[in-house]
Amino acid sequence: MPDGRAPRTIYLIHNDAGEHVRESAAEAAVMEAVESMERTLTGLGRTVVRLLLKPPLSAAAGALEALPAGATVFNLFEGFPEDPASEVQVGLLLERLGLRATGCPPIAMHLGLHKDLCKLLLQADGIPVPEGVLLRSDADIHLPLPFPFPAFLKPVANDASHGIAACNLVRDEAAFRARAGELLKLFPGGVLAEPFLPGRELNCGVVETPHGAVALPPSLVDYSELPEDHPPVLTFAAKWAPGSPVYEKTPTVCPAPVEPELISRVQELALRSYHLLRCRGYARVDMREDVDGHLRVLELNPNPDISADAGLAKQGRALGWDYATLVRQVVAAIEEGQPWKSP
C-alpha cells in the first residue's frame, strides 16, 4: 500500500455454481477455488470475508460499493450463468470503485473473451496465430473457407470450453456447414473457424510479482489417453463431464517434456501476449504447433483457474513456488502497486 501498511482483510468475491445444466459443472469448479483460496489466505495471516455476487448486476454493484475504499479484493468471479460478459462488467465496477483487485483488468478480460479481437491484436504485433474466419450468420457458412480442411470451430465469445466438442473438428464442407449452423444457433455471437493444428499443444502461465511478470514453466497437454476415435482436442466433456469416456483424459505434463528451445519460445510468446493484451495479475496463454511445427497462439485466458490443483499452481510448483507462495505473489503485486486503471 502507498502508506506502507499492509491491509489485513481481503474480500474474496465469487459467483455461485449456477442453475443451468450446461454451465453447472464448470461453475462448480469456482467453489473449489474459493475454498482453497480462503484456506490459503487465512494461513497467510489474512482475514477473509467471502462475498457471493448474484445477479442482477445492480445487486453486485451494491455489494461492491459497500466495501471500504481501497479494499483488497481477490477476484474469483467467473461471470453469472449464461452471461460471460458479466465477468468484464464486474471488472469495470472494481476499477471504477478504485478497489485493489487481483487478476487482469477489464480490457484484458474483454479481449480474452472475444477471441477474434484478441487474434487481430496479436497478429498486428507479429505474434503468430492461426488463420481464421468469423462466421456470424447462415450466409457465412456457405462461403468457401480461405484455408483447406480439416477446420476447427469454436464460439468466438465464450469461455470454459463451452460449445467445444469432438464434432467441432470438421473435415469437409458438409460437416462444416452442419456443425457451424448448430453452433450459430447455440452461440449467436459468432463462431470462429480456424485450420486444425495437428501439432503439440502447450500452455504457459504468466504471474505478476512485485518485481514484474514471470513466465512459468509451460505444460504439455497429453492427449494419448483419449479414445482412438476422439480427436486430440480439449472438449467441454473432457473438462466438465464426470463419467464421460473422455473426462480427465487430457492431463497436462509440467514441466513440458520438450526441447529447451521450444520452452524458451513458449515463454517468450506468453510474455509478449500478456503485455500486449494489457494483462495484470495472472493469465494463461494457449498455443499449438501447426503442420510444419511452428507455434501459433490460440488464445489468452485472463484469470485462469487458480485453485491448488489447477494448471497454474502446477506450473508454479515447477518453478519452486508452493501454493501459498503463488497466492502471496498475486496479492503482493496488487497491494504494492496501484489500483486498476485502464490504459
Protein backbone atom coordinates (compact mmCIF):
# COMPACT_ATOMS: atom_id res chain seq x y z
CA MET A 1 0.00 0.00 0.00
CA PRO A 2 1.23 3.59 -0.57
CA ASP A 3 1.36 4.37 3.19
CA GLY A 4 3.39 1.21 3.88
CA ARG A 5 0.65 -0.50 5.88
CA ALA A 6 -0.46 -3.89 4.55
CA PRO A 7 -4.23 -4.36 4.90
CA ARG A 8 -5.17 -7.50 6.80
CA THR A 9 -8.66 -8.06 5.37
CA ILE A 10 -9.20 -9.49 1.90
CA TYR A 11 -12.64 -9.62 0.31
CA LEU A 12 -13.00 -12.81 -1.73
CA ILE A 13 -15.60 -12.27 -4.45
CA HIS A 14 -17.07 -15.13 -6.44
CA ASN A 15 -20.20 -16.42 -8.16
CA ASP A 16 -22.21 -19.50 -7.26
CA ALA A 17 -22.39 -22.85 -9.02
CA GLY A 18 -25.18 -21.72 -11.30
CA GLU A 19 -28.53 -23.31 -12.03
CA HIS A 20 -28.08 -24.14 -15.71
CA VAL A 21 -27.14 -27.68 -16.64
CA ARG A 22 -24.80 -26.57 -19.42
CA GLU A 23 -22.69 -24.47 -17.06
CA SER A 24 -23.14 -26.10 -13.66
CA ALA A 25 -20.04 -28.30 -13.73
CA ALA A 26 -17.77 -25.51 -14.90
CA GLU A 27 -19.16 -23.03 -12.41
CA ALA A 28 -18.96 -25.56 -9.56
CA ALA A 29 -15.20 -25.59 -10.04
CA VAL A 30 -15.22 -21.96 -8.89
CA MET A 31 -16.33 -23.09 -5.44
CA GLU A 32 -13.34 -25.40 -5.16
CA ALA A 33 -11.09 -22.44 -5.90
CA VAL A 34 -12.92 -20.33 -3.32
CA GLU A 35 -12.43 -22.91 -0.56
CA SER A 36 -8.78 -23.41 -1.48
CA MET A 37 -8.10 -19.69 -1.62
CA GLU A 38 -9.81 -18.94 1.69
CA ARG A 39 -7.71 -21.57 3.49
CA THR A 40 -4.51 -20.28 1.94
CA LEU A 41 -5.15 -16.60 2.64
CA THR A 42 -6.09 -17.41 6.22
CA GLY A 43 -2.84 -19.37 6.54
CA LEU A 44 -1.01 -16.26 5.35
CA GLY A 45 -2.44 -14.33 8.27
CA ARG A 46 -5.23 -12.53 6.43
CA THR A 47 -8.82 -12.10 7.49
CA VAL A 48 -11.01 -13.34 4.63
CA VAL A 49 -14.52 -12.09 4.00
CA ARG A 50 -16.35 -14.03 1.31
CA LEU A 51 -18.72 -12.10 -0.91
CA LEU A 52 -21.05 -14.05 -3.19
CA LEU A 53 -22.16 -11.95 -6.16
CA LYS A 54 -25.56 -12.81 -7.57
CA PRO A 55 -27.49 -11.37 -10.49
CA PRO A 56 -28.69 -8.84 -11.40
CA LEU A 57 -25.61 -6.72 -11.96
CA SER A 58 -27.15 -3.88 -9.95
CA ALA A 59 -27.17 -6.11 -6.86
CA ALA A 60 -23.50 -6.99 -7.39
CA ALA A 61 -22.71 -3.29 -7.79
CA GLY A 62 -24.41 -2.52 -4.50
CA ALA A 63 -22.41 -5.20 -2.69
CA LEU A 64 -19.12 -3.89 -4.09
CA GLU A 65 -19.99 -0.28 -3.35
CA ALA A 66 -20.40 -1.24 0.32
CA LEU A 67 -16.75 -2.31 0.60
CA PRO A 68 -14.26 0.04 2.27
CA ALA A 69 -12.46 2.46 -0.03
CA GLY A 70 -9.25 0.98 -1.38
CA ALA A 71 -10.05 -2.50 -0.05
CA THR A 72 -8.14 -5.51 -1.34
CA VAL A 73 -10.33 -7.86 -3.38
CA PHE A 74 -9.32 -11.33 -4.52
CA ASN A 75 -11.36 -11.65 -7.69
CA LEU A 76 -12.59 -15.18 -8.34
CA PHE A 77 -15.76 -14.00 -10.08
CA GLU A 78 -16.30 -16.00 -13.29
CA GLY A 79 -19.47 -14.34 -14.53
CA PHE A 80 -23.15 -15.07 -13.99
CA PRO A 81 -24.56 -18.24 -15.59
CA GLU A 82 -25.33 -17.74 -19.30
CA ASP A 83 -23.76 -14.26 -19.15
CA PRO A 84 -19.99 -14.45 -19.71
CA ALA A 85 -19.77 -10.69 -20.34
CA SER A 86 -20.76 -10.06 -16.70
CA GLU A 87 -17.20 -11.01 -15.70
CA VAL A 88 -15.97 -7.96 -17.60
CA GLN A 89 -18.75 -5.77 -16.18
CA VAL A 90 -17.78 -6.67 -12.61
CA GLY A 91 -14.17 -5.89 -13.53
CA LEU A 92 -15.28 -2.44 -14.67
CA LEU A 93 -17.09 -1.93 -11.37
CA LEU A 94 -13.98 -2.86 -9.41
CA GLU A 95 -11.97 -0.39 -11.45
CA ARG A 96 -14.49 2.44 -11.11
CA LEU A 97 -14.63 1.96 -7.33
CA GLY A 98 -10.84 2.08 -7.00
CA LEU A 99 -10.67 -1.31 -5.27
CA ARG A 100 -7.40 -3.23 -5.28
CA ALA A 101 -8.49 -6.30 -7.20
CA THR A 102 -6.26 -9.20 -8.10
CA GLY A 103 -6.10 -10.52 -11.62
CA CYS A 104 -6.50 -8.94 -15.02
CA PRO A 105 -8.14 -5.57 -15.68
CA PRO A 106 -11.36 -5.43 -17.70
CA ILE A 107 -9.67 -4.66 -21.01
CA ALA A 108 -7.76 -7.97 -20.82
CA MET A 109 -10.89 -9.83 -19.71
CA HIS A 110 -12.74 -8.44 -22.71
CA LEU A 111 -10.02 -9.41 -25.16
CA GLY A 112 -9.72 -12.88 -23.66
CA LEU A 113 -13.45 -13.38 -24.09
CA HIS A 114 -13.60 -12.06 -27.66
CA LYS A 115 -11.23 -14.35 -29.50
CA ASP A 116 -11.48 -12.55 -32.83
CA LEU A 117 -10.34 -9.22 -31.36
CA CYS A 118 -7.57 -10.96 -29.44
CA LYS A 119 -6.26 -12.58 -32.64
CA LEU A 120 -6.27 -9.31 -34.55
CA LEU A 121 -4.15 -7.57 -31.93
CA LEU A 122 -1.72 -10.47 -31.62
CA GLN A 123 -1.33 -10.70 -35.38
CA ALA A 124 -0.78 -6.96 -35.73
CA ASP A 125 2.12 -7.21 -33.28
CA GLY A 126 3.74 -10.05 -35.22
CA ILE A 127 2.71 -12.81 -32.81
CA PRO A 128 1.89 -15.96 -34.85
CA VAL A 129 -1.76 -17.02 -34.73
CA PRO A 130 -3.78 -19.46 -36.86
CA GLU A 131 -5.64 -18.23 -39.90
CA GLY A 132 -9.31 -17.80 -39.25
CA VAL A 133 -12.66 -16.51 -40.37
CA LEU A 134 -15.54 -15.26 -38.24
CA LEU A 135 -18.98 -16.71 -39.01
CA ARG A 136 -21.88 -14.52 -37.92
CA SER A 137 -24.80 -15.80 -40.00
CA ASP A 138 -26.04 -18.73 -42.02
CA ALA A 139 -24.90 -16.90 -45.14
CA ASP A 140 -21.29 -17.00 -43.89
CA ILE A 141 -21.23 -20.78 -43.65
CA HIS A 142 -21.94 -21.09 -47.38
CA LEU A 143 -18.84 -19.10 -48.31
CA PRO A 144 -15.64 -21.03 -49.06
CA LEU A 145 -13.07 -21.16 -46.28
CA PRO A 146 -9.77 -19.39 -47.05
CA PHE A 147 -7.78 -22.44 -45.90
CA PRO A 148 -8.01 -26.20 -46.53
CA PHE A 149 -9.78 -28.73 -44.32
CA PRO A 150 -9.68 -30.00 -41.64
CA ALA A 151 -11.02 -27.00 -39.77
CA PHE A 152 -11.89 -26.43 -36.13
CA LEU A 153 -14.88 -24.42 -34.92
CA LYS A 154 -15.35 -22.63 -31.61
CA PRO A 155 -17.68 -19.96 -30.21
CA VAL A 156 -16.00 -16.59 -30.61
CA ALA A 157 -17.18 -15.05 -27.35
CA ASN A 158 -17.36 -17.72 -24.68
CA ASP A 159 -15.06 -19.44 -22.20
CA ALA A 160 -14.55 -22.61 -20.12
CA SER A 161 -14.72 -24.75 -23.31
CA HIS A 162 -18.45 -24.14 -23.74
CA GLY A 163 -19.50 -25.32 -27.17
CA ILE A 164 -16.32 -27.31 -27.74
CA ALA A 165 -16.99 -30.92 -28.84
CA ALA A 166 -15.22 -33.56 -30.88
CA CYS A 167 -17.53 -32.85 -33.83
CA ASN A 168 -16.16 -29.29 -33.99
CA LEU A 169 -13.28 -30.79 -35.96
CA VAL A 170 -14.75 -30.86 -39.46
CA ARG A 171 -13.10 -32.47 -42.46
CA ASP A 172 -15.32 -31.42 -45.38
CA GLU A 173 -17.85 -28.81 -46.44
CA ALA A 174 -20.89 -30.83 -45.45
CA ALA A 175 -19.66 -31.39 -41.90
CA PHE A 176 -18.54 -27.78 -41.69
CA ARG A 177 -21.90 -26.34 -42.68
CA ALA A 178 -23.85 -28.69 -40.43
CA ARG A 179 -21.80 -28.08 -37.29
CA ALA A 180 -21.34 -24.35 -37.91
CA GLY A 181 -25.10 -24.00 -38.27
CA GLU A 182 -25.67 -25.82 -34.98
CA LEU A 183 -23.15 -23.66 -33.16
CA LEU A 184 -24.57 -20.41 -34.51
CA LYS A 185 -27.96 -21.34 -33.07
CA LEU A 186 -26.39 -22.01 -29.67
CA PHE A 187 -23.95 -19.09 -29.78
CA PRO A 188 -25.44 -16.28 -31.90
CA GLY A 189 -22.47 -14.04 -31.06
CA GLY A 190 -20.49 -15.84 -33.75
CA VAL A 191 -18.30 -18.84 -34.46
CA LEU A 192 -14.60 -18.78 -35.27
CA ALA A 193 -13.36 -21.22 -37.93
CA GLU A 194 -9.63 -21.98 -37.99
CA PRO A 195 -7.43 -24.58 -39.63
CA PHE A 196 -6.91 -27.52 -37.31
CA LEU A 197 -3.37 -27.50 -35.94
CA PRO A 198 -2.14 -31.12 -35.59
CA GLY A 199 0.98 -30.50 -33.50
CA ARG A 200 1.73 -30.43 -29.80
CA GLU A 201 -0.38 -28.24 -27.52
CA LEU A 202 1.25 -26.26 -24.74
CA ASN A 203 0.15 -23.59 -22.33
CA CYS A 204 2.11 -21.16 -20.21
CA GLY A 205 1.01 -19.22 -17.17
CA VAL A 206 2.27 -15.72 -16.51
CA VAL A 207 2.16 -14.34 -12.97
CA GLU A 208 2.70 -10.76 -11.88
CA THR A 209 5.04 -10.27 -8.95
CA PRO A 210 6.16 -7.07 -7.20
CA HIS A 211 9.23 -7.28 -9.44
CA GLY A 212 7.47 -7.83 -12.76
CA ALA A 213 5.73 -10.55 -14.74
CA VAL A 214 7.19 -14.07 -14.72
CA ALA A 215 6.53 -16.75 -17.35
CA LEU A 216 6.13 -20.08 -15.56
CA PRO A 217 7.40 -23.44 -16.84
CA PRO A 218 4.91 -24.42 -19.55
CA SER A 219 2.74 -27.53 -19.62
CA LEU A 220 2.14 -30.03 -22.41
CA VAL A 221 -1.41 -31.30 -22.92
CA ASP A 222 -1.26 -35.09 -23.11
CA TYR A 223 -3.88 -36.49 -25.49
CA SER A 224 -2.50 -40.04 -25.52
CA GLU A 225 -5.22 -41.36 -23.17
CA LEU A 226 -8.12 -40.28 -25.37
CA PRO A 227 -10.06 -42.97 -27.26
CA GLU A 228 -8.66 -43.62 -30.74
CA ASP A 229 -11.73 -42.16 -32.43
CA HIS A 230 -11.57 -38.92 -30.43
CA PRO A 231 -9.61 -36.01 -31.94
CA PRO A 232 -6.81 -34.50 -29.84
CA VAL A 233 -8.79 -31.52 -28.60
CA LEU A 234 -9.85 -30.38 -25.14
CA THR A 235 -13.66 -30.58 -25.21
CA PHE A 236 -16.23 -29.43 -22.69
CA ALA A 237 -16.94 -33.07 -21.77
CA ALA A 238 -13.24 -33.76 -21.18
CA LYS A 239 -13.15 -30.96 -18.62
CA TRP A 240 -16.56 -30.91 -17.00
CA ALA A 241 -18.49 -34.18 -17.55
CA PRO A 242 -17.63 -36.77 -14.88
CA GLY A 243 -18.42 -40.26 -16.08
CA SER A 244 -17.94 -39.45 -19.75
CA PRO A 245 -15.38 -41.57 -21.69
CA VAL A 246 -13.08 -38.56 -22.10
CA TYR A 247 -13.33 -36.96 -18.65
CA GLU A 248 -9.88 -36.33 -17.21
CA LYS A 249 -8.31 -37.99 -20.26
CA THR A 250 -6.36 -34.87 -21.15
CA PRO A 251 -3.86 -34.38 -18.31
CA THR A 252 -1.10 -31.82 -18.51
CA VAL A 253 2.57 -32.65 -18.01
CA CYS A 254 4.66 -29.97 -16.34
CA PRO A 255 7.41 -29.14 -16.94
CA ALA A 256 6.62 -29.92 -20.57
CA PRO A 257 8.88 -32.77 -21.82
CA VAL A 258 10.00 -30.86 -24.91
CA GLU A 259 13.23 -29.39 -26.19
CA PRO A 260 14.63 -26.37 -24.26
CA GLU A 261 14.39 -24.16 -27.34
CA LEU A 262 10.66 -24.76 -27.51
CA ILE A 263 10.28 -23.97 -23.79
CA SER A 264 12.00 -20.63 -24.34
CA ARG A 265 9.85 -19.84 -27.37
CA VAL A 266 6.64 -20.65 -25.47
CA GLN A 267 7.63 -18.40 -22.57
CA GLU A 268 8.63 -15.61 -24.94
CA LEU A 269 5.28 -15.70 -26.75
CA ALA A 270 3.40 -15.92 -23.45
CA LEU A 271 5.06 -12.81 -22.05
CA ARG A 272 4.60 -10.87 -25.29
CA SER A 273 0.92 -11.77 -25.43
CA TYR A 274 0.43 -10.98 -21.74
CA HIS A 275 1.87 -7.49 -22.06
CA LEU A 276 0.32 -6.70 -25.44
CA LEU A 277 -3.19 -7.51 -24.22
CA ARG A 278 -2.76 -5.40 -21.08
CA CYS A 279 -2.86 -8.28 -18.62
CA ARG A 280 -2.09 -7.94 -14.96
CA GLY A 281 -2.04 -10.37 -12.06
CA TYR A 282 -2.10 -13.74 -13.80
CA ALA A 283 -3.10 -15.24 -17.13
CA ARG A 284 -2.54 -18.32 -19.28
CA VAL A 285 -1.60 -18.39 -22.95
CA ASP A 286 -2.54 -21.47 -25.01
CA MET A 287 -0.52 -22.48 -28.07
CA ARG A 288 -0.27 -25.27 -30.57
CA GLU A 289 2.11 -26.31 -33.32
CA ASP A 290 0.93 -26.18 -36.92
CA VAL A 291 1.60 -28.84 -39.55
CA ASP A 292 5.15 -27.50 -40.00
CA GLY A 293 5.93 -27.48 -36.29
CA HIS A 294 5.60 -23.70 -35.87
CA LEU A 295 3.93 -22.42 -32.72
CA ARG A 296 0.69 -20.50 -33.02
CA VAL A 297 -1.01 -18.68 -30.15
CA LEU A 298 -4.58 -19.96 -29.88
CA GLU A 299 -5.96 -17.70 -27.20
CA LEU A 300 -5.37 -15.87 -23.96
CA ASN A 301 -7.10 -16.84 -20.72
CA PRO A 302 -7.17 -13.97 -18.20
CA ASN A 303 -7.67 -15.05 -14.58
CA PRO A 304 -7.49 -18.81 -15.22
CA ASP A 305 -8.30 -21.36 -12.52
CA ILE A 306 -6.04 -20.60 -9.56
CA SER A 307 -7.14 -23.44 -7.27
CA ALA A 308 -4.44 -25.54 -5.63
CA ASP A 309 -4.73 -28.46 -8.06
CA ALA A 310 -5.11 -26.43 -11.25
CA GLY A 311 -2.58 -25.97 -14.03
CA LEU A 312 -1.35 -22.57 -12.87
CA ALA A 313 -0.47 -23.92 -9.43
CA LYS A 314 1.23 -26.92 -11.05
CA GLN A 315 3.39 -24.60 -13.14
CA GLY A 316 4.18 -22.53 -10.06
CA ARG A 317 5.40 -25.65 -8.26
CA ALA A 318 7.63 -26.46 -11.23
CA LEU A 319 9.25 -23.06 -10.67
CA GLY A 320 9.74 -23.81 -6.98
CA TRP A 321 6.71 -21.95 -5.60
CA ASP A 322 4.38 -23.75 -3.25
CA TYR A 323 0.73 -22.75 -3.45
CA ALA A 324 0.99 -20.19 -0.66
CA THR A 325 3.89 -18.51 -2.47
CA LEU A 326 1.87 -18.29 -5.68
CA VAL A 327 -1.03 -16.66 -3.84
CA ARG A 328 1.32 -14.34 -1.95
CA GLN A 329 2.87 -13.16 -5.23
CA VAL A 330 -0.54 -12.37 -6.74
CA VAL A 331 -1.68 -10.41 -3.67
CA ALA A 332 1.63 -8.59 -3.21
CA ALA A 333 1.64 -7.45 -6.82
CA ILE A 334 -1.66 -5.60 -6.41
CA GLU A 335 -1.10 -4.30 -2.87
CA GLU A 336 2.34 -2.93 -3.59
CA GLY A 337 1.22 -1.36 -6.86
CA GLN A 338 -1.64 0.96 -7.74
CA PRO A 339 -5.36 0.25 -8.24
CA TRP A 340 -6.54 -0.73 -11.70
CA LYS A 341 -6.55 1.96 -14.32
CA SER A 342 -7.36 1.20 -17.93
CA PRO A 343 -4.63 2.35 -20.34
